[in-house]
């Protein structure tokens, strides 16, 4: 039983590490979140807003039918 829980936790940690791409914005978010959680949250929400803006720009202005 303990071996299966350990295997599950190892797989979950490795899967989470593979799912989160380590880029310059994510490093910035992590470094600010270590100082204060709200700073990391604000930078993360700002990065998400820019990504949504890119998505909207691609969907509505790039493809004309």
PDB file of N, CA and C in Angstrom:
ATOM      1  N   UNK A   1       0.814  -1.188   0.000  1.00  0.00           N
ATOM      2  CA  UNK A   1       0.000   0.000   0.000  1.00  0.00           C
ATOM      3  C   UNK A   1       0.863   1.260   0.000  1.00  0.00           C
ATOM      4  N   UNK A   2       1.894   1.262   0.823  1.00  0.00           N
ATOM      5  CA  UNK A   2       2.759   2.434   0.909  1.00  0.00           C
ATOM      6  C   UNK A   2       3.540   2.615  -0.384  1.00  0.00           C
ATOM      7  N   UNK A   3       3.933   1.508  -1.018  1.00  0.00           N
ATOM      8  CA  UNK A   3       4.653   1.618  -2.287  1.00  0.00           C
ATOM      9  C   UNK A   3       3.782   2.231  -3.371  1.00  0.00           C
ATOM     10  N   UNK A   4       2.510   1.878  -3.413  1.00  0.00           N
ATOM     11  CA  UNK A   4       1.633   2.434  -4.429  1.00  0.00           C
ATOM     12  C   UNK A   4       1.380   3.921  -4.190  1.00  0.00           C
ATOM     13  N   UNK A   5       1.292   4.347  -2.929  1.00  0.00           N
ATOM     14  CA  UNK A   5       1.116   5.769  -2.630  1.00  0.00           C
ATOM     15  C   UNK A   5       2.374   6.542  -3.007  1.00  0.00           C
ATOM     16  N   UNK A   6       3.530   5.971  -2.706  1.00  0.00           N
ATOM     17  CA  UNK A   6       4.787   6.616  -3.085  1.00  0.00           C
ATOM     18  C   UNK A   6       4.936   6.722  -4.590  1.00  0.00           C
ATOM     19  N   UNK A   7       4.540   5.671  -5.295  1.00  0.00           N
ATOM     20  CA  UNK A   7       4.588   5.710  -6.751  1.00  0.00           C
ATOM     21  C   UNK A   7       3.639   6.744  -7.326  1.00  0.00           C
ATOM     22  N   UNK A   8       2.435   6.832  -6.722  1.00  0.00           N
ATOM     23  CA  UNK A   8       1.472   7.837  -7.172  1.00  0.00           C
ATOM     24  C   UNK A   8       2.008   9.245  -6.956  1.00  0.00           C
ATOM     25  N   UNK A   9       2.576   9.499  -5.779  1.00  0.00           N
ATOM     26  CA  UNK A   9       3.108  10.831  -5.499  1.00  0.00           C
ATOM     27  C   UNK A   9       4.273  11.178  -6.404  1.00  0.00           C
ATOM     28  N   UNK A  10       5.135  10.217  -6.666  1.00  0.00           N
ATOM     29  CA  UNK A  10       6.255  10.457  -7.586  1.00  0.00           C
ATOM     30  C   UNK A  10       5.751  10.783  -8.981  1.00  0.00           C
ATOM     31  N   UNK A  11       4.776  10.018  -9.442  1.00  0.00           N
ATOM     32  CA  UNK A  11       4.208  10.275 -10.764  1.00  0.00           C
ATOM     33  C   UNK A  11       3.501  11.610 -10.834  1.00  0.00           C
ATOM     34  N   UNK A  12       2.793  11.983  -9.773  1.00  0.00           N
ATOM     35  CA  UNK A  12       2.096  13.269  -9.756  1.00  0.00           C
ATOM     36  C   UNK A  12       3.081  14.430  -9.784  1.00  0.00           C
ATOM     37  N   UNK A  13       4.154  14.320  -9.029  1.00  0.00           N
ATOM     38  CA  UNK A  13       5.158  15.387  -9.010  1.00  0.00           C
ATOM     39  C   UNK A  13       5.858  15.489 -10.356  1.00  0.00           C
ATOM     40  N   UNK A  14       6.225  14.365 -10.934  1.00  0.00           N
ATOM     41  CA  UNK A  14       6.872  14.397 -12.244  1.00  0.00           C
ATOM     42  C   UNK A  14       5.922  14.902 -13.329  1.00  0.00           C
ATOM     43  N   UNK A  15       4.660  14.502 -13.265  1.00  0.00           N
ATOM     44  CA  UNK A  15       3.684  14.975 -14.245  1.00  0.00           C
ATOM     45  C   UNK A  15       3.437  16.462 -14.128  1.00  0.00           C
ATOM     46  N   UNK A  16       3.348  16.962 -12.901  1.00  0.00           N
ATOM     47  CA  UNK A  16       3.158  18.397 -12.703  1.00  0.00           C
ATOM     48  C   UNK A  16       4.375  19.166 -13.213  1.00  0.00           C
ATOM     49  N   UNK A  17       5.556  18.637 -12.967  1.00  0.00           N
ATOM     50  CA  UNK A  17       6.770  19.296 -13.446  1.00  0.00           C
ATOM     51  C   UNK A  17       6.858  19.328 -14.959  1.00  0.00           C
ATOM     52  N   UNK A  18       6.345  18.302 -15.620  1.00  0.00           N
ATOM     53  CA  UNK A  18       6.361  18.283 -17.078  1.00  0.00           C
ATOM     54  C   UNK A  18       5.261  19.160 -17.660  1.00  0.00           C
ATOM     55  N   UNK A  19       4.175  19.349 -16.922  1.00  0.00           N
ATOM     56  CA  UNK A  19       3.043  20.128 -17.428  1.00  0.00           C
ATOM     57  C   UNK A  19       3.283  21.628 -17.327  1.00  0.00           C
ATOM     58  N   UNK A  20       4.114  22.062 -16.404  1.00  0.00           N
ATOM     59  CA  UNK A  20       4.374  23.488 -16.223  1.00  0.00           C
ATOM     60  C   UNK A  20       5.631  23.855 -17.009  1.00  0.00           C
ATOM     61  N   UNK A  21       5.467  24.592 -18.106  1.00  0.00           N
ATOM     62  CA  UNK A  21       6.662  24.980 -18.866  1.00  0.00           C
ATOM     63  C   UNK A  21       7.437  26.059 -18.105  1.00  0.00           C
ATOM     64  N   UNK A  22       8.723  25.871 -17.989  1.00  0.00           N
ATOM     65  CA  UNK A  22       9.566  26.823 -17.283  1.00  0.00           C
ATOM     66  C   UNK A  22      10.070  27.835 -18.299  1.00  0.00           C
ATOM     67  N   UNK A  23       9.487  29.006 -18.265  1.00  0.00           N
ATOM     68  CA  UNK A  23       9.868  30.087 -19.158  1.00  0.00           C
ATOM     69  C   UNK A  23      10.180  31.332 -18.348  1.00  0.00           C
ATOM     70  N   UNK A  24      10.546  32.401 -19.025  1.00  0.00           N
ATOM     71  CA  UNK A  24      10.921  33.618 -18.290  1.00  0.00           C
ATOM     72  C   UNK A  24       9.772  34.217 -17.483  1.00  0.00           C
ATOM     73  N   UNK A  25       8.553  34.156 -17.990  1.00  0.00           N
ATOM     74  CA  UNK A  25       7.415  34.715 -17.252  1.00  0.00           C
ATOM     75  C   UNK A  25       7.124  33.860 -16.023  1.00  0.00           C
ATOM     76  N   UNK A  26       7.184  32.544 -16.165  1.00  0.00           N
ATOM     77  CA  UNK A  26       6.933  31.678 -15.009  1.00  0.00           C
ATOM     78  C   UNK A  26       8.006  31.845 -13.943  1.00  0.00           C
ATOM     79  N   UNK A  27       9.238  32.060 -14.335  1.00  0.00           N
ATOM     80  CA  UNK A  27      10.302  32.304 -13.355  1.00  0.00           C
ATOM     81  C   UNK A  27      10.067  33.626 -12.641  1.00  0.00           C
ATOM     82  N   UNK A  28       9.610  34.648 -13.386  1.00  0.00           N
ATOM     83  CA  UNK A  28       9.284  35.928 -12.770  1.00  0.00           C
ATOM     84  C   UNK A  28       8.148  35.776 -11.767  1.00  0.00           C
ATOM     85  N   UNK A  29       7.118  35.027 -12.147  1.00  0.00           N
ATOM     86  CA  UNK A  29       5.990  34.798 -11.249  1.00  0.00           C
ATOM     87  C   UNK A  29       6.458  34.080  -9.980  1.00  0.00           C
ATOM     88  N   UNK A  30       7.271  33.049 -10.143  1.00  0.00           N
ATOM     89  CA  UNK A  30       7.748  32.300  -8.973  1.00  0.00           C
ATOM     90  C   UNK A  30       8.616  33.157  -8.064  1.00  0.00           C
ATOM     91  N   UNK A  31       9.487  33.979  -8.646  1.00  0.00           N
ATOM     92  CA  UNK A  31      10.371  34.792  -7.810  1.00  0.00           C
ATOM     93  C   UNK A  31       9.584  35.843  -7.028  1.00  0.00           C
ATOM     94  N   UNK A  32       8.563  36.443  -7.651  1.00  0.00           N
ATOM     95  CA  UNK A  32       7.743  37.409  -6.921  1.00  0.00           C
ATOM     96  C   UNK A  32       6.820  36.721  -5.920  1.00  0.00           C
ATOM     97  N   UNK A  33       6.348  35.524  -6.241  1.00  0.00           N
ATOM     98  CA  UNK A  33       5.475  34.806  -5.315  1.00  0.00           C
ATOM     99  C   UNK A  33       6.232  34.374  -4.061  1.00  0.00           C
ATOM    100  N   UNK A  34       7.530  34.162  -4.169  1.00  0.00           N
ATOM    101  CA  UNK A  34       8.316  33.831  -2.979  1.00  0.00           C
ATOM    102  C   UNK A  34       8.417  35.019  -2.034  1.00  0.00           C
ATOM    103  N   UNK A  35       8.401  36.239  -2.594  1.00  0.00           N
ATOM    104  CA  UNK A  35       8.445  37.438  -1.758  1.00  0.00           C
ATOM    105  C   UNK A  35       7.084  37.677  -1.125  1.00  0.00           C
ATOM    106  N   UNK A  36       6.043  37.717  -1.958  1.00  0.00           N
ATOM    107  CA  UNK A  36       4.685  37.934  -1.474  1.00  0.00           C
ATOM    108  C   UNK A  36       3.732  37.291  -2.463  1.00  0.00           C
ATOM    109  N   UNK A  37       2.806  36.517  -1.954  1.00  0.00           N
ATOM    110  CA  UNK A  37       1.898  35.755  -2.811  1.00  0.00           C
ATOM    111  C   UNK A  37       1.089  36.661  -3.727  1.00  0.00           C
ATOM    112  N   UNK A  38       0.634  37.787  -3.223  1.00  0.00           N
ATOM    113  CA  UNK A  38      -0.190  38.692  -4.033  1.00  0.00           C
ATOM    114  C   UNK A  38       0.574  39.241  -5.233  1.00  0.00           C
ATOM    115  N   UNK A  39       1.868  39.473  -5.094  1.00  0.00           N
ATOM    116  CA  UNK A  39       2.655  39.951  -6.227  1.00  0.00           C
ATOM    117  C   UNK A  39       2.719  38.890  -7.324  1.00  0.00           C
ATOM    118  N   UNK A  40       2.955  37.653  -6.941  1.00  0.00           N
ATOM    119  CA  UNK A  40       2.976  36.568  -7.907  1.00  0.00           C
ATOM    120  C   UNK A  40       1.627  36.370  -8.562  1.00  0.00           C
ATOM    121  N   UNK A  41       0.558  36.495  -7.770  1.00  0.00           N
ATOM    122  CA  UNK A  41      -0.793  36.367  -8.316  1.00  0.00           C
ATOM    123  C   UNK A  41      -1.085  37.479  -9.314  1.00  0.00           C
ATOM    124  N   UNK A  42      -0.687  38.704  -8.996  1.00  0.00           N
ATOM    125  CA  UNK A  42      -0.936  39.835  -9.889  1.00  0.00           C
ATOM    126  C   UNK A  42      -0.178  39.669 -11.206  1.00  0.00           C
ATOM    127  N   UNK A  43       1.061  39.239 -11.145  1.00  0.00           N
ATOM    128  CA  UNK A  43       1.835  39.034 -12.374  1.00  0.00           C
ATOM    129  C   UNK A  43       1.247  37.883 -13.176  1.00  0.00           C
ATOM    130  N   UNK A  44       0.828  36.827 -12.505  1.00  0.00           N
ATOM    131  CA  UNK A  44       0.207  35.697 -13.198  1.00  0.00           C
ATOM    132  C   UNK A  44      -1.093  36.092 -13.886  1.00  0.00           C
ATOM    133  N   UNK A  45      -1.918  36.887 -13.211  1.00  0.00           N
ATOM    134  CA  UNK A  45      -3.163  37.345 -13.826  1.00  0.00           C
ATOM    135  C   UNK A  45      -2.889  38.288 -14.997  1.00  0.00           C
ATOM    136  N   UNK A  46      -1.860  39.111 -14.882  1.00  0.00           N
ATOM    137  CA  UNK A  46      -1.479  39.980 -15.996  1.00  0.00           C
ATOM    138  C   UNK A  46      -1.007  39.180 -17.200  1.00  0.00           C
ATOM    139  N   UNK A  47      -0.220  38.152 -16.965  1.00  0.00           N
ATOM    140  CA  UNK A  47       0.238  37.300 -18.057  1.00  0.00           C
ATOM    141  C   UNK A  47      -0.929  36.566 -18.698  1.00  0.00           C
ATOM    142  N   UNK A  48      -1.886  36.139 -17.886  1.00  0.00           N
ATOM    143  CA  UNK A  48      -3.069  35.472 -18.418  1.00  0.00           C
ATOM    144  C   UNK A  48      -3.899  36.438 -19.260  1.00  0.00           C
ATOM    145  N   UNK A  49      -4.015  37.696 -18.815  1.00  0.00           N
ATOM    146  CA  UNK A  49      -4.782  38.684 -19.569  1.00  0.00           C
ATOM    147  C   UNK A  49      -4.149  38.940 -20.935  1.00  0.00           C
ATOM    148  N   UNK A  50      -2.827  38.981 -20.991  1.00  0.00           N
ATOM    149  CA  UNK A  50      -2.149  39.173 -22.273  1.00  0.00           C
ATOM    150  C   UNK A  50      -2.386  37.966 -23.177  1.00  0.00           C
ATOM    151  N   UNK A  51      -2.343  36.768 -22.624  1.00  0.00           N
ATOM    152  CA  UNK A  51      -2.619  35.568 -23.416  1.00  0.00           C
ATOM    153  C   UNK A  51      -4.043  35.572 -23.961  1.00  0.00           C
ATOM    154  N   UNK A  52      -5.004  36.007 -23.150  1.00  0.00           N
ATOM    155  CA  UNK A  52      -6.392  36.102 -23.619  1.00  0.00           C
ATOM    156  C   UNK A  52      -6.503  37.149 -24.720  1.00  0.00           C
ATOM    157  N   UNK A  53      -5.782  38.250 -24.580  1.00  0.00           N
ATOM    158  CA  UNK A  53      -5.766  39.272 -25.627  1.00  0.00           C
ATOM    159  C   UNK A  53      -5.224  38.734 -26.939  1.00  0.00           C
ATOM    160  N   UNK A  54      -4.147  37.953 -26.865  1.00  0.00           N
ATOM    161  CA  UNK A  54      -3.607  37.318 -28.073  1.00  0.00           C
ATOM    162  C   UNK A  54      -4.635  36.366 -28.683  1.00  0.00           C
ATOM    163  N   UNK A  55      -5.310  35.602 -27.841  1.00  0.00           N
ATOM    164  CA  UNK A  55      -6.319  34.663 -28.318  1.00  0.00           C
ATOM    165  C   UNK A  55      -7.445  35.394 -29.024  1.00  0.00           C
ATOM    166  N   UNK A  56      -7.930  36.473 -28.432  1.00  0.00           N
ATOM    167  CA  UNK A  56      -9.006  37.243 -29.056  1.00  0.00           C
ATOM    168  C   UNK A  56      -8.552  37.873 -30.365  1.00  0.00           C
ATOM    169  N   UNK A  57      -7.336  38.382 -30.395  1.00  0.00           N
ATOM    170  CA  UNK A  57      -6.821  38.986 -31.620  1.00  0.00           C
ATOM    171  C   UNK A  57      -6.714  37.959 -32.738  1.00  0.00           C
ATOM    172  N   UNK A  58      -6.267  36.776 -32.423  1.00  0.00           N
ATOM    173  CA  UNK A  58      -6.145  35.729 -33.438  1.00  0.00           C
ATOM    174  C   UNK A  58      -7.521  35.282 -33.912  1.00  0.00           C
ATOM    175  N   UNK A  59      -8.452  35.120 -32.975  1.00  0.00           N
ATOM    176  CA  UNK A  59      -9.769  34.612 -33.348  1.00  0.00           C
ATOM    177  C   UNK A  59     -10.602  35.615 -34.119  1.00  0.00           C
ATOM    178  N   UNK A  60     -10.527  36.886 -33.802  1.00  0.00           N
ATOM    179  CA  UNK A  60     -11.452  37.841 -34.395  1.00  0.00           C
ATOM    180  C   UNK A  60     -10.853  38.665 -35.523  1.00  0.00           C
ATOM    181  N   UNK A  61      -9.530  38.840 -35.559  1.00  0.00           N
ATOM    182  CA  UNK A  61      -8.970  39.717 -36.565  1.00  0.00           C
ATOM    183  C   UNK A  61      -8.036  39.049 -37.556  1.00  0.00           C
ATOM    184  N   UNK A  62      -7.626  37.846 -37.302  1.00  0.00           N
ATOM    185  CA  UNK A  62      -6.700  37.196 -38.217  1.00  0.00           C
ATOM    186  C   UNK A  62      -7.410  36.396 -39.302  1.00  0.00           C
ATOM    187  N   UNK A  63      -8.528  35.788 -38.966  1.00  0.00           N
ATOM    188  CA  UNK A  63      -9.218  34.916 -39.908  1.00  0.00           C
ATOM    189  C   UNK A  63     -10.518  35.555 -40.346  1.00  0.00           C
ATOM    190  N   UNK A  64     -10.555  36.006 -41.559  1.00  0.00           N
ATOM    191  CA  UNK A  64     -11.800  36.554 -42.098  1.00  0.00           C
ATOM    192  C   UNK A  64     -12.410  35.525 -43.042  1.00  0.00           C
ATOM    193  N   UNK A  65     -13.670  35.226 -42.836  1.00  0.00           N
ATOM    194  CA  UNK A  65     -14.332  34.213 -43.663  1.00  0.00           C
ATOM    195  C   UNK A  65     -15.102  34.892 -44.763  1.00  0.00           C
TER     196      UNK A  65
END
